Amino acid sequence: MKPPLPSRLLLLLPLLLAPAAASAHALDGVDVSKLSQADAIWIYLKLGFEHILPLGLDHILFVLSIALLEPRLKSVLVQATAFTVAHSITLGLAMYGLISPPPGIIEPIIALSILFVALENILVSKLNPWRVVVVFGFGLVHGMGFASVLTGLGLPRRLFLESLLAFNVGVELGQVAVILLAWGLVGYWFSGKPWYKQRVVVPASIVIGLIAAYWTVERVFFA
């Protein structure tokens, strides 16, 4: 028996997003030092959103992983809030130069965080309260990954704080968009079905876990 259509769509999502994820951010010759406050806020808000949708495949898969096991909207949003608070802390610290995490360490850990949550989805039967703590911890690491991207883009000095906050809000909006999409396509309709774990959570988590395992090896040995 074939899995329900939403499950198959979820399994295909990484393949559909992969070409977009291969592209890169660009300010296309914009002189950030000459941006008005409104322009800076809009541009960095958009860049933050685009870093999740469509460019941030690793972050998309992490958010999908935390949404899969128990896709009640309140539960997922609590985890997403913990993730957002955490990545906001390390993103701010890194951009202010208080920490300087090496990408060669951070990127493999991001991949491992996706693999960890995917495996947990397969192995446990219900959401454990400590998942929020785990998500917070991994959010700290993902924030350092966001910082490496934002450092490459650059921030206008006179609008540093506004641009940083706008980028962070854009990232959060991208994450919420992923959560709502997953919830609307799958969680709302199928999470209460007796076959949900076997036909949706397990196959989707296996695909996500395999991708994350490949990224881990690639980032450790071939970066």
N, C-alpha and C. Protein backbone atom coordinates (compact mmCIF):
# COMPACT_ATOMS: atom_id res chain seq x y z
N MET A 1 0.84 -1.20 0.00
CA MET A 1 0.00 0.00 0.00
C MET A 1 0.88 1.25 0.00
N LYS A 2 0.56 2.19 -0.88
CA LYS A 2 1.36 3.41 -0.97
C LYS A 2 1.06 4.33 0.21
N PRO A 3 2.07 5.11 0.67
CA PRO A 3 1.81 6.09 1.71
C PRO A 3 0.90 7.17 1.17
N PRO A 4 0.18 7.89 2.04
CA PRO A 4 -0.71 8.95 1.58
C PRO A 4 0.06 10.03 0.84
N LEU A 5 -0.65 10.76 0.00
CA LEU A 5 -0.03 11.77 -0.85
C LEU A 5 0.80 12.78 -0.06
N PRO A 6 0.32 13.34 1.09
CA PRO A 6 1.16 14.29 1.81
C PRO A 6 2.50 13.70 2.22
N SER A 7 2.51 12.40 2.57
CA SER A 7 3.78 11.78 2.94
C SER A 7 4.72 11.75 1.76
N ARG A 8 4.19 11.41 0.58
CA ARG A 8 5.04 11.36 -0.61
C ARG A 8 5.54 12.76 -0.97
N LEU A 9 4.69 13.78 -0.80
CA LEU A 9 5.13 15.15 -1.07
C LEU A 9 6.23 15.55 -0.11
N LEU A 10 6.10 15.15 1.16
CA LEU A 10 7.12 15.48 2.14
C LEU A 10 8.44 14.82 1.79
N LEU A 11 8.38 13.60 1.31
CA LEU A 11 9.60 12.89 0.92
C LEU A 11 10.27 13.55 -0.28
N LEU A 12 9.48 14.14 -1.17
CA LEU A 12 10.04 14.77 -2.37
C LEU A 12 10.52 16.19 -2.11
N LEU A 13 10.13 16.77 -0.97
CA LEU A 13 10.47 18.16 -0.72
C LEU A 13 11.95 18.46 -0.82
N PRO A 14 12.85 17.65 -0.22
CA PRO A 14 14.27 17.95 -0.36
C PRO A 14 14.74 18.00 -1.81
N LEU A 15 14.20 17.09 -2.65
CA LEU A 15 14.60 17.08 -4.06
C LEU A 15 14.09 18.32 -4.78
N LEU A 16 12.89 18.76 -4.42
CA LEU A 16 12.32 19.94 -5.07
C LEU A 16 13.08 21.20 -4.69
N LEU A 17 13.59 21.23 -3.44
CA LEU A 17 14.26 22.42 -2.96
C LEU A 17 15.74 22.44 -3.27
N ALA A 18 16.31 21.28 -3.59
CA ALA A 18 17.76 21.19 -3.77
C ALA A 18 18.31 22.16 -4.80
N PRO A 19 17.69 22.33 -6.00
CA PRO A 19 18.26 23.27 -6.96
C PRO A 19 18.28 24.68 -6.42
N ALA A 20 17.21 25.08 -5.70
CA ALA A 20 17.19 26.43 -5.16
C ALA A 20 18.25 26.61 -4.09
N ALA A 21 18.47 25.55 -3.31
CA ALA A 21 19.43 25.64 -2.22
C ALA A 21 20.85 25.80 -2.72
N ALA A 22 21.07 25.42 -3.97
CA ALA A 22 22.42 25.51 -4.51
C ALA A 22 22.80 26.94 -4.87
N SER A 23 21.80 27.84 -5.03
CA SER A 23 22.10 29.21 -5.38
C SER A 23 22.64 29.97 -4.19
N ALA A 24 23.10 31.17 -4.42
CA ALA A 24 23.72 31.91 -3.35
C ALA A 24 23.04 33.25 -3.15
N HIS A 25 23.14 33.76 -1.92
CA HIS A 25 22.65 35.10 -1.64
C HIS A 25 23.51 36.10 -2.41
N ALA A 26 22.91 37.21 -2.77
CA ALA A 26 23.70 38.28 -3.37
C ALA A 26 22.97 39.60 -3.14
N LEU A 27 23.75 40.64 -2.87
CA LEU A 27 23.18 41.98 -2.77
C LEU A 27 23.27 42.70 -4.11
N ASP A 28 23.83 42.01 -5.11
CA ASP A 28 23.84 42.51 -6.48
C ASP A 28 24.34 43.94 -6.60
N GLY A 29 25.51 44.18 -6.03
CA GLY A 29 26.14 45.49 -6.19
C GLY A 29 25.55 46.59 -5.33
N VAL A 30 24.66 46.27 -4.39
CA VAL A 30 24.08 47.29 -3.53
C VAL A 30 25.14 47.81 -2.57
N ASP A 31 25.25 49.13 -2.47
CA ASP A 31 26.16 49.75 -1.50
C ASP A 31 25.41 49.87 -0.18
N VAL A 32 25.69 48.94 0.74
CA VAL A 32 24.91 48.90 1.98
C VAL A 32 25.14 50.15 2.83
N SER A 33 26.26 50.82 2.64
CA SER A 33 26.55 52.01 3.45
C SER A 33 25.63 53.17 3.09
N LYS A 34 24.98 53.11 1.93
CA LYS A 34 24.13 54.22 1.48
C LYS A 34 22.63 53.91 1.61
N LEU A 35 22.29 52.78 2.23
CA LEU A 35 20.89 52.41 2.37
C LEU A 35 20.19 53.29 3.39
N SER A 36 18.94 53.63 3.08
CA SER A 36 18.11 54.29 4.09
C SER A 36 17.69 53.26 5.12
N GLN A 37 17.17 53.70 6.25
CA GLN A 37 16.75 52.77 7.29
C GLN A 37 15.67 51.83 6.78
N ALA A 38 14.68 52.38 6.07
CA ALA A 38 13.58 51.54 5.55
C ALA A 38 14.10 50.53 4.54
N ASP A 39 14.99 50.96 3.66
CA ASP A 39 15.55 50.04 2.66
C ASP A 39 16.37 48.94 3.31
N ALA A 40 17.18 49.32 4.31
CA ALA A 40 18.01 48.33 4.99
C ALA A 40 17.15 47.28 5.69
N ILE A 41 16.11 47.73 6.38
CA ILE A 41 15.23 46.80 7.08
C ILE A 41 14.57 45.86 6.09
N TRP A 42 14.07 46.38 4.98
CA TRP A 42 13.40 45.54 3.99
C TRP A 42 14.37 44.54 3.35
N ILE A 43 15.54 45.02 2.96
CA ILE A 43 16.51 44.15 2.28
C ILE A 43 16.97 43.02 3.19
N TYR A 44 17.29 43.33 4.45
CA TYR A 44 17.79 42.29 5.35
C TYR A 44 16.67 41.39 5.87
N LEU A 45 15.46 41.92 5.95
CA LEU A 45 14.31 41.07 6.25
C LEU A 45 14.13 40.03 5.15
N LYS A 46 14.22 40.50 3.91
CA LYS A 46 14.08 39.60 2.76
C LYS A 46 15.22 38.59 2.70
N LEU A 47 16.44 39.04 2.97
CA LEU A 47 17.58 38.13 2.95
C LEU A 47 17.45 37.06 4.03
N GLY A 48 16.96 37.44 5.20
CA GLY A 48 16.75 36.46 6.26
C GLY A 48 15.72 35.43 5.88
N PHE A 49 14.61 35.87 5.28
CA PHE A 49 13.58 34.94 4.85
C PHE A 49 14.12 34.01 3.77
N GLU A 50 14.85 34.57 2.80
CA GLU A 50 15.39 33.76 1.71
C GLU A 50 16.44 32.77 2.20
N HIS A 51 17.10 33.10 3.31
CA HIS A 51 18.08 32.15 3.84
C HIS A 51 17.40 30.88 4.33
N ILE A 52 16.11 30.95 4.62
CA ILE A 52 15.33 29.76 4.94
C ILE A 52 14.61 29.26 3.70
N LEU A 53 13.80 30.09 3.10
CA LEU A 53 13.05 29.72 1.90
C LEU A 53 13.42 30.65 0.75
N PRO A 54 14.04 30.14 -0.31
CA PRO A 54 14.23 28.71 -0.60
C PRO A 54 15.66 28.19 -0.38
N LEU A 55 16.57 29.03 0.15
CA LEU A 55 17.99 28.67 0.10
C LEU A 55 18.49 27.79 1.23
N GLY A 56 17.80 27.77 2.34
CA GLY A 56 18.33 27.10 3.52
C GLY A 56 17.85 25.67 3.69
N LEU A 57 18.25 24.79 2.81
CA LEU A 57 17.74 23.41 2.85
C LEU A 57 18.07 22.73 4.18
N ASP A 58 19.27 22.97 4.72
CA ASP A 58 19.60 22.32 5.99
C ASP A 58 18.71 22.82 7.12
N HIS A 59 18.44 24.12 7.14
CA HIS A 59 17.56 24.66 8.18
C HIS A 59 16.11 24.22 7.96
N ILE A 60 15.69 24.12 6.70
CA ILE A 60 14.34 23.62 6.40
C ILE A 60 14.18 22.21 6.92
N LEU A 61 15.16 21.36 6.68
CA LEU A 61 15.07 19.97 7.12
C LEU A 61 15.07 19.87 8.65
N PHE A 62 15.82 20.75 9.31
CA PHE A 62 15.80 20.73 10.78
C PHE A 62 14.42 21.11 11.29
N VAL A 63 13.85 22.18 10.74
CA VAL A 63 12.52 22.63 11.17
C VAL A 63 11.47 21.55 10.87
N LEU A 64 11.56 20.93 9.70
CA LEU A 64 10.64 19.84 9.37
C LEU A 64 10.79 18.69 10.35
N SER A 65 12.03 18.41 10.75
CA SER A 65 12.26 17.31 11.68
C SER A 65 11.59 17.55 13.02
N ILE A 66 11.67 18.78 13.53
CA ILE A 66 11.04 19.05 14.81
C ILE A 66 9.53 19.11 14.69
N ALA A 67 9.04 19.32 13.45
CA ALA A 67 7.59 19.39 13.25
C ALA A 67 6.96 18.02 13.02
N LEU A 68 7.75 17.02 12.69
CA LEU A 68 7.20 15.74 12.25
C LEU A 68 6.60 14.91 13.38
N LEU A 69 7.33 14.77 14.48
CA LEU A 69 6.98 13.77 15.49
C LEU A 69 5.61 14.02 16.10
N GLU A 70 5.37 15.25 16.49
CA GLU A 70 4.07 15.61 17.06
C GLU A 70 3.65 16.95 16.45
N PRO A 71 3.01 16.91 15.30
CA PRO A 71 2.80 18.14 14.53
C PRO A 71 1.60 18.99 14.98
N ARG A 72 1.30 18.98 16.28
CA ARG A 72 0.33 19.93 16.79
C ARG A 72 0.96 21.31 16.72
N LEU A 73 0.22 22.28 16.23
CA LEU A 73 0.80 23.59 15.94
C LEU A 73 1.41 24.22 17.18
N LYS A 74 0.74 24.12 18.33
CA LYS A 74 1.26 24.72 19.56
C LYS A 74 2.59 24.08 19.94
N SER A 75 2.67 22.76 19.87
CA SER A 75 3.88 22.04 20.24
C SER A 75 5.04 22.43 19.34
N VAL A 76 4.79 22.50 18.06
CA VAL A 76 5.86 22.84 17.11
C VAL A 76 6.31 24.28 17.31
N LEU A 77 5.38 25.19 17.55
CA LEU A 77 5.74 26.59 17.73
C LEU A 77 6.54 26.81 19.01
N VAL A 78 6.27 26.02 20.06
CA VAL A 78 7.08 26.11 21.28
C VAL A 78 8.52 25.72 20.97
N GLN A 79 8.70 24.62 20.23
CA GLN A 79 10.05 24.21 19.85
C GLN A 79 10.71 25.25 18.95
N ALA A 80 9.94 25.80 18.01
CA ALA A 80 10.49 26.80 17.10
C ALA A 80 10.88 28.06 17.84
N THR A 81 10.12 28.43 18.87
CA THR A 81 10.46 29.61 19.67
C THR A 81 11.77 29.39 20.41
N ALA A 82 11.96 28.20 20.99
CA ALA A 82 13.23 27.88 21.65
C ALA A 82 14.39 27.96 20.67
N PHE A 83 14.17 27.45 19.47
CA PHE A 83 15.19 27.49 18.42
C PHE A 83 15.51 28.94 18.04
N THR A 84 14.47 29.78 17.92
CA THR A 84 14.66 31.17 17.53
C THR A 84 15.42 31.95 18.59
N VAL A 85 15.03 31.78 19.86
CA VAL A 85 15.72 32.47 20.95
C VAL A 85 17.20 32.10 20.94
N ALA A 86 17.47 30.80 20.76
CA ALA A 86 18.86 30.33 20.79
C ALA A 86 19.67 30.90 19.63
N HIS A 87 19.13 30.80 18.41
CA HIS A 87 19.94 31.27 17.28
C HIS A 87 20.06 32.79 17.28
N SER A 88 19.10 33.50 17.90
CA SER A 88 19.21 34.95 18.02
C SER A 88 20.39 35.32 18.92
N ILE A 89 20.59 34.54 19.99
CA ILE A 89 21.69 34.81 20.93
C ILE A 89 23.04 34.69 20.24
N THR A 90 23.27 33.55 19.59
CA THR A 90 24.59 33.33 18.99
C THR A 90 24.80 34.18 17.73
N LEU A 91 23.72 34.44 17.00
CA LEU A 91 23.85 35.31 15.83
C LEU A 91 24.28 36.71 16.27
N GLY A 92 23.64 37.23 17.32
CA GLY A 92 24.01 38.55 17.82
C GLY A 92 25.43 38.59 18.36
N LEU A 93 25.81 37.57 19.15
CA LEU A 93 27.16 37.53 19.72
C LEU A 93 28.21 37.46 18.62
N ALA A 94 27.94 36.66 17.60
CA ALA A 94 28.91 36.52 16.51
C ALA A 94 29.03 37.80 15.70
N MET A 95 27.91 38.44 15.42
CA MET A 95 27.94 39.65 14.60
C MET A 95 28.58 40.82 15.34
N TYR A 96 28.51 40.81 16.67
CA TYR A 96 29.18 41.85 17.46
C TYR A 96 30.63 41.49 17.76
N GLY A 97 31.09 40.35 17.22
CA GLY A 97 32.48 39.96 17.36
C GLY A 97 32.85 39.37 18.70
N LEU A 98 31.85 38.98 19.51
CA LEU A 98 32.13 38.43 20.83
C LEU A 98 32.48 36.95 20.77
N ILE A 99 32.01 36.27 19.73
CA ILE A 99 32.42 34.89 19.49
C ILE A 99 32.77 34.77 18.01
N SER A 100 33.66 33.84 17.71
CA SER A 100 34.08 33.66 16.32
C SER A 100 34.17 32.16 16.01
N PRO A 101 33.00 31.53 15.80
CA PRO A 101 32.99 30.09 15.58
C PRO A 101 33.52 29.72 14.19
N PRO A 102 34.40 28.73 14.10
CA PRO A 102 34.93 28.31 12.78
C PRO A 102 33.88 27.53 11.99
N PRO A 103 33.61 27.92 10.75
CA PRO A 103 32.62 27.20 9.94
C PRO A 103 32.93 25.72 9.77
N GLY A 104 34.23 25.36 9.79
CA GLY A 104 34.61 23.96 9.63
C GLY A 104 34.11 23.07 10.74
N ILE A 105 33.79 23.66 11.88
CA ILE A 105 33.22 22.91 12.99
C ILE A 105 31.70 23.07 13.03
N ILE A 106 31.23 24.28 12.80
CA ILE A 106 29.80 24.58 12.92
C ILE A 106 28.97 23.84 11.87
N GLU A 107 29.41 23.83 10.63
CA GLU A 107 28.61 23.23 9.56
C GLU A 107 28.39 21.73 9.76
N PRO A 108 29.42 20.94 10.13
CA PRO A 108 29.15 19.53 10.42
C PRO A 108 28.20 19.33 11.61
N ILE A 109 28.31 20.19 12.63
CA ILE A 109 27.41 20.05 13.78
C ILE A 109 25.97 20.35 13.39
N ILE A 110 25.78 21.31 12.49
CA ILE A 110 24.42 21.59 11.99
C ILE A 110 23.86 20.35 11.31
N ALA A 111 24.68 19.70 10.48
CA ALA A 111 24.23 18.47 9.81
C ALA A 111 23.92 17.38 10.84
N LEU A 112 24.76 17.26 11.85
CA LEU A 112 24.54 16.26 12.90
C LEU A 112 23.27 16.55 13.69
N SER A 113 22.94 17.83 13.87
CA SER A 113 21.73 18.18 14.61
C SER A 113 20.49 17.70 13.86
N ILE A 114 20.52 17.80 12.54
CA ILE A 114 19.41 17.31 11.72
C ILE A 114 19.32 15.80 11.84
N LEU A 115 20.47 15.12 11.74
CA LEU A 115 20.51 13.66 11.86
C LEU A 115 19.99 13.21 13.22
N PHE A 116 20.39 13.89 14.28
CA PHE A 116 19.97 13.52 15.63
C PHE A 116 18.45 13.57 15.76
N VAL A 117 17.84 14.68 15.33
CA VAL A 117 16.40 14.84 15.49
C VAL A 117 15.65 13.84 14.60
N ALA A 118 16.17 13.60 13.40
CA ALA A 118 15.54 12.62 12.50
C ALA A 118 15.56 11.23 13.13
N LEU A 119 16.70 10.84 13.72
CA LEU A 119 16.79 9.53 14.37
C LEU A 119 15.87 9.46 15.58
N GLU A 120 15.78 10.55 16.33
CA GLU A 120 14.88 10.56 17.48
C GLU A 120 13.44 10.36 17.04
N ASN A 121 13.06 10.99 15.93
CA ASN A 121 11.71 10.82 15.41
C ASN A 121 11.40 9.35 15.12
N ILE A 122 12.40 8.62 14.64
CA ILE A 122 12.20 7.21 14.31
C ILE A 122 12.14 6.34 15.56
N LEU A 123 12.96 6.66 16.55
CA LEU A 123 13.15 5.76 17.68
C LEU A 123 12.16 5.96 18.83
N VAL A 124 11.65 7.18 19.01
CA VAL A 124 10.75 7.41 20.15
C VAL A 124 9.30 7.38 19.67
N SER A 125 8.42 7.12 20.61
CA SER A 125 6.99 7.01 20.27
C SER A 125 6.23 8.30 20.50
N LYS A 126 6.77 9.19 21.33
CA LYS A 126 6.08 10.45 21.59
C LYS A 126 7.11 11.53 21.89
N LEU A 127 6.65 12.76 21.82
CA LEU A 127 7.53 13.90 22.06
C LEU A 127 7.89 13.98 23.54
N ASN A 128 9.19 14.01 23.83
CA ASN A 128 9.66 14.14 25.20
C ASN A 128 9.85 15.61 25.57
N PRO A 129 9.59 15.98 26.84
CA PRO A 129 9.74 17.39 27.24
C PRO A 129 11.14 17.94 27.01
N TRP A 130 12.16 17.06 27.12
CA TRP A 130 13.53 17.57 26.96
C TRP A 130 13.88 17.90 25.52
N ARG A 131 12.97 17.59 24.57
CA ARG A 131 13.22 17.97 23.17
C ARG A 131 13.42 19.48 23.04
N VAL A 132 12.70 20.26 23.84
CA VAL A 132 12.84 21.72 23.76
C VAL A 132 14.26 22.15 24.12
N VAL A 133 14.85 21.50 25.13
CA VAL A 133 16.22 21.81 25.54
C VAL A 133 17.20 21.44 24.43
N VAL A 134 16.98 20.28 23.82
CA VAL A 134 17.84 19.84 22.71
C VAL A 134 17.74 20.83 21.55
N VAL A 135 16.52 21.22 21.21
CA VAL A 135 16.31 22.16 20.11
C VAL A 135 16.98 23.50 20.41
N PHE A 136 16.90 23.95 21.67
CA PHE A 136 17.56 25.20 22.06
C PHE A 136 19.07 25.08 21.85
N GLY A 137 19.64 23.97 22.29
CA GLY A 137 21.08 23.77 22.12
C GLY A 137 21.49 23.79 20.67
N PHE A 138 20.74 23.09 19.82
CA PHE A 138 21.06 23.09 18.41
C PHE A 138 20.80 24.46 17.77
N GLY A 139 19.84 25.20 18.32
CA GLY A 139 19.59 26.56 17.83
C GLY A 139 20.80 27.46 18.02
N LEU A 140 21.53 27.25 19.13
CA LEU A 140 22.75 28.03 19.35
C LEU A 140 23.75 27.78 18.23
N VAL A 141 23.85 26.54 17.79
CA VAL A 141 24.78 26.19 16.71
C VAL A 141 24.30 26.77 15.39
N HIS A 142 23.00 26.63 15.11
CA HIS A 142 22.47 27.15 13.84
C HIS A 142 22.65 28.67 13.76
N GLY A 143 22.56 29.37 14.90
CA GLY A 143 22.77 30.81 14.90
C GLY A 143 24.16 31.18 14.43
N MET A 144 25.15 30.35 14.79
CA MET A 144 26.51 30.59 14.32
C MET A 144 26.61 30.38 12.81
N GLY A 145 25.81 29.43 12.30
CA GLY A 145 25.76 29.25 10.85
C GLY A 145 25.14 30.45 10.16
N PHE A 146 24.07 30.99 10.74
CA PHE A 146 23.47 32.21 10.18
C PHE A 146 24.50 33.35 10.17
N ALA A 147 25.31 33.41 11.23
CA ALA A 147 26.28 34.50 11.35
C ALA A 147 27.31 34.45 10.22
N SER A 148 27.72 33.23 9.84
CA SER A 148 28.72 33.14 8.76
C SER A 148 28.16 33.66 7.45
N VAL A 149 26.86 33.41 7.22
CA VAL A 149 26.21 33.92 6.01
C VAL A 149 26.10 35.44 6.07
N LEU A 150 25.66 35.96 7.22
CA LEU A 150 25.46 37.40 7.34
C LEU A 150 26.79 38.15 7.30
N THR A 151 27.84 37.54 7.82
CA THR A 151 29.16 38.16 7.73
C THR A 151 29.59 38.30 6.27
N GLY A 152 29.29 37.27 5.48
CA GLY A 152 29.61 37.34 4.06
C GLY A 152 28.83 38.40 3.32
N LEU A 153 27.59 38.63 3.76
CA LEU A 153 26.76 39.65 3.12
C LEU A 153 27.19 41.05 3.52
N GLY A 154 27.59 41.21 4.77
CA GLY A 154 27.95 42.52 5.29
C GLY A 154 26.74 43.25 5.84
N LEU A 155 26.99 44.14 6.80
CA LEU A 155 25.95 44.95 7.41
C LEU A 155 26.36 46.41 7.37
N PRO A 156 25.41 47.32 7.10
CA PRO A 156 25.74 48.75 7.13
C PRO A 156 26.07 49.18 8.55
N ARG A 157 27.18 49.85 8.75
CA ARG A 157 27.63 50.19 10.11
C ARG A 157 26.64 51.09 10.84
N ARG A 158 26.10 52.09 10.15
CA ARG A 158 25.23 53.03 10.84
C ARG A 158 23.84 52.46 11.11
N LEU A 159 23.51 51.34 10.44
CA LEU A 159 22.22 50.69 10.66
C LEU A 159 22.45 49.23 11.06
N PHE A 160 23.51 49.01 11.83
CA PHE A 160 23.92 47.64 12.16
C PHE A 160 22.83 46.90 12.91
N LEU A 161 22.34 47.49 13.99
CA LEU A 161 21.35 46.81 14.84
C LEU A 161 20.05 46.58 14.09
N GLU A 162 19.58 47.60 13.37
CA GLU A 162 18.32 47.47 12.63
C GLU A 162 18.42 46.36 11.58
N SER A 163 19.55 46.31 10.87
CA SER A 163 19.71 45.30 9.83
C SER A 163 19.83 43.90 10.43
N LEU A 164 20.54 43.80 11.55
CA LEU A 164 20.69 42.51 12.22
C LEU A 164 19.33 41.99 12.70
N LEU A 165 18.55 42.87 13.32
CA LEU A 165 17.22 42.46 13.79
C LEU A 165 16.31 42.09 12.62
N ALA A 166 16.40 42.85 11.53
CA ALA A 166 15.57 42.56 10.37
C ALA A 166 15.91 41.21 9.78
N PHE A 167 17.20 40.89 9.69
CA PHE A 167 17.62 39.58 9.18
C PHE A 167 17.07 38.47 10.07
N ASN A 168 17.16 38.66 11.38
CA ASN A 168 16.70 37.65 12.32
C ASN A 168 15.18 37.46 12.22
N VAL A 169 14.46 38.54 12.07
CA VAL A 169 13.00 38.44 11.90
C VAL A 169 12.68 37.72 10.59
N GLY A 170 13.44 38.01 9.55
CA GLY A 170 13.23 37.33 8.28
C GLY A 170 13.44 35.83 8.39
N VAL A 171 14.50 35.43 9.14
CA VAL A 171 14.75 34.01 9.38
C VAL A 171 13.57 33.38 10.10
N GLU A 172 13.07 34.06 11.13
CA GLU A 172 11.94 33.53 11.88
C GLU A 172 10.69 33.39 11.01
N LEU A 173 10.43 34.38 10.17
CA LEU A 173 9.28 34.30 9.27
C LEU A 173 9.42 33.12 8.31
N GLY A 174 10.64 32.88 7.85
CA GLY A 174 10.87 31.73 6.98
C GLY A 174 10.60 30.42 7.69
N GLN A 175 11.03 30.33 8.96
CA GLN A 175 10.79 29.12 9.73
C GLN A 175 9.31 28.90 9.98
N VAL A 176 8.61 29.97 10.31
CA VAL A 176 7.16 29.87 10.55
C VAL A 176 6.45 29.44 9.27
N ALA A 177 6.92 29.94 8.12
CA ALA A 177 6.32 29.54 6.85
C ALA A 177 6.48 28.05 6.61
N VAL A 178 7.67 27.50 6.92
CA VAL A 178 7.91 26.06 6.78
C VAL A 178 6.98 25.28 7.71
N ILE A 179 6.87 25.73 8.95
CA ILE A 179 6.02 25.05 9.93
C ILE A 179 4.56 25.05 9.49
N LEU A 180 4.07 26.19 9.05
CA LEU A 180 2.67 26.27 8.64
C LEU A 180 2.41 25.43 7.40
N LEU A 181 3.38 25.39 6.50
CA LEU A 181 3.23 24.57 5.29
C LEU A 181 3.15 23.10 5.67
N ALA A 182 4.06 22.65 6.53
CA ALA A 182 4.06 21.24 6.95
C ALA A 182 2.79 20.90 7.72
N TRP A 183 2.37 21.80 8.58
CA TRP A 183 1.16 21.57 9.36
C TRP A 183 -0.07 21.54 8.47
N GLY A 184 -0.13 22.48 7.51
CA GLY A 184 -1.29 22.54 6.63
C GLY A 184 -1.39 21.36 5.68
N LEU A 185 -0.24 20.87 5.21
CA LEU A 185 -0.24 19.74 4.27
C LEU A 185 -0.40 18.39 4.96
N VAL A 186 0.19 18.27 6.15
CA VAL A 186 0.27 16.94 6.78
C VAL A 186 -0.32 16.92 8.19
N GLY A 187 0.22 17.78 9.06
CA GLY A 187 -0.12 17.70 10.47
C GLY A 187 -1.60 17.82 10.77
N TYR A 188 -2.22 18.82 10.21
CA TYR A 188 -3.64 19.07 10.51
C TYR A 188 -4.51 17.91 10.08
N TRP A 189 -4.19 17.29 8.95
CA TRP A 189 -5.06 16.27 8.37
C TRP A 189 -4.76 14.86 8.87
N PHE A 190 -3.50 14.56 9.14
CA PHE A 190 -3.13 13.16 9.31
C PHE A 190 -2.47 12.79 10.63
N SER A 191 -2.12 13.78 11.46
CA SER A 191 -1.36 13.45 12.67
C SER A 191 -2.14 12.57 13.64
N GLY A 192 -3.46 12.59 13.58
CA GLY A 192 -4.26 11.77 14.47
C GLY A 192 -4.55 10.37 13.96
N LYS A 193 -4.09 10.06 12.75
CA LYS A 193 -4.35 8.75 12.17
C LYS A 193 -3.44 7.69 12.80
N PRO A 194 -3.94 6.46 12.95
CA PRO A 194 -3.12 5.41 13.57
C PRO A 194 -1.87 5.06 12.77
N TRP A 195 -1.87 5.33 11.47
CA TRP A 195 -0.73 4.99 10.63
C TRP A 195 0.24 6.17 10.44
N TYR A 196 -0.02 7.29 11.12
CA TYR A 196 0.78 8.49 10.89
C TYR A 196 2.27 8.26 11.13
N LYS A 197 2.60 7.65 12.26
CA LYS A 197 4.01 7.42 12.58
C LYS A 197 4.68 6.53 11.53
N GLN A 198 4.03 5.42 11.18
CA GLN A 198 4.65 4.44 10.29
C GLN A 198 4.75 4.94 8.86
N ARG A 199 3.75 5.65 8.39
CA ARG A 199 3.71 6.02 6.98
C ARG A 199 4.21 7.43 6.69
N VAL A 200 4.29 8.27 7.70
CA VAL A 200 4.73 9.64 7.47
C VAL A 200 6.03 9.93 8.23
N VAL A 201 5.99 9.78 9.56
CA VAL A 201 7.16 10.17 10.37
C VAL A 201 8.39 9.34 10.01
N VAL A 202 8.25 8.01 9.99
CA VAL A 202 9.40 7.15 9.77
C VAL A 202 10.01 7.34 8.38
N PRO A 203 9.23 7.22 7.28
CA PRO A 203 9.87 7.39 5.96
C PRO A 203 10.45 8.77 5.73
N ALA A 204 9.74 9.81 6.18
CA ALA A 204 10.25 11.17 6.00
C ALA A 204 11.53 11.38 6.81
N SER A 205 11.56 10.85 8.04
CA SER A 205 12.74 11.00 8.89
C SER A 205 13.93 10.21 8.34
N ILE A 206 13.67 9.06 7.72
CA ILE A 206 14.75 8.29 7.10
C ILE A 206 15.39 9.09 5.98
N VAL A 207 14.56 9.69 5.13
CA VAL A 207 15.09 10.50 4.03
C VAL A 207 15.91 11.68 4.57
N ILE A 208 15.34 12.39 5.55
CA ILE A 208 16.04 13.53 6.14
C ILE A 208 17.34 13.07 6.80
N GLY A 209 17.29 11.95 7.51
CA GLY A 209 18.48 11.44 8.18
C GLY A 209 19.58 11.06 7.20
N LEU A 210 19.22 10.44 6.09
CA LEU A 210 20.22 10.07 5.08
C LEU A 210 20.88 11.30 4.47
N ILE A 211 20.07 12.32 4.20
CA ILE A 211 20.63 13.56 3.66
C ILE A 211 21.59 14.19 4.67
N ALA A 212 21.17 14.22 5.95
CA ALA A 212 22.00 14.81 6.99
C ALA A 212 23.29 14.02 7.20
N ALA A 213 23.20 12.69 7.12
CA ALA A 213 24.41 11.86 7.25
C ALA A 213 25.39 12.15 6.12
N TYR A 214 24.86 12.27 4.89
CA TYR A 214 25.71 12.60 3.74
C TYR A 214 26.38 13.96 3.95
N TRP A 215 25.60 14.96 4.39
CA TRP A 215 26.16 16.28 4.63
C TRP A 215 27.25 16.23 5.70
N THR A 216 27.04 15.44 6.75
CA THR A 216 28.03 15.34 7.81
C THR A 216 29.36 14.85 7.27
N VAL A 217 29.32 13.75 6.50
CA VAL A 217 30.54 13.20 5.91
C VAL A 217 31.17 14.22 4.95
N GLU A 218 30.35 14.83 4.12
CA GLU A 218 30.85 15.79 3.15
C GLU A 218 31.53 16.98 3.84
N ARG A 219 30.89 17.50 4.90
CA ARG A 219 31.42 18.68 5.57
C ARG A 219 32.64 18.40 6.42
N VAL A 220 32.78 17.18 6.89
CA VAL A 220 33.93 16.81 7.70
C VAL A 220 35.14 16.49 6.82
N PHE A 221 34.90 15.74 5.73
CA PHE A 221 36.04 15.22 4.96
C PHE A 221 36.28 15.92 3.63
N PHE A 222 35.29 16.64 3.10
CA PHE A 222 35.45 17.20 1.76
C PHE A 222 35.22 18.69 1.69
N ALA A 223 35.04 19.34 2.84
CA ALA A 223 34.79 20.80 2.83
C ALA A 223 36.07 21.56 2.48
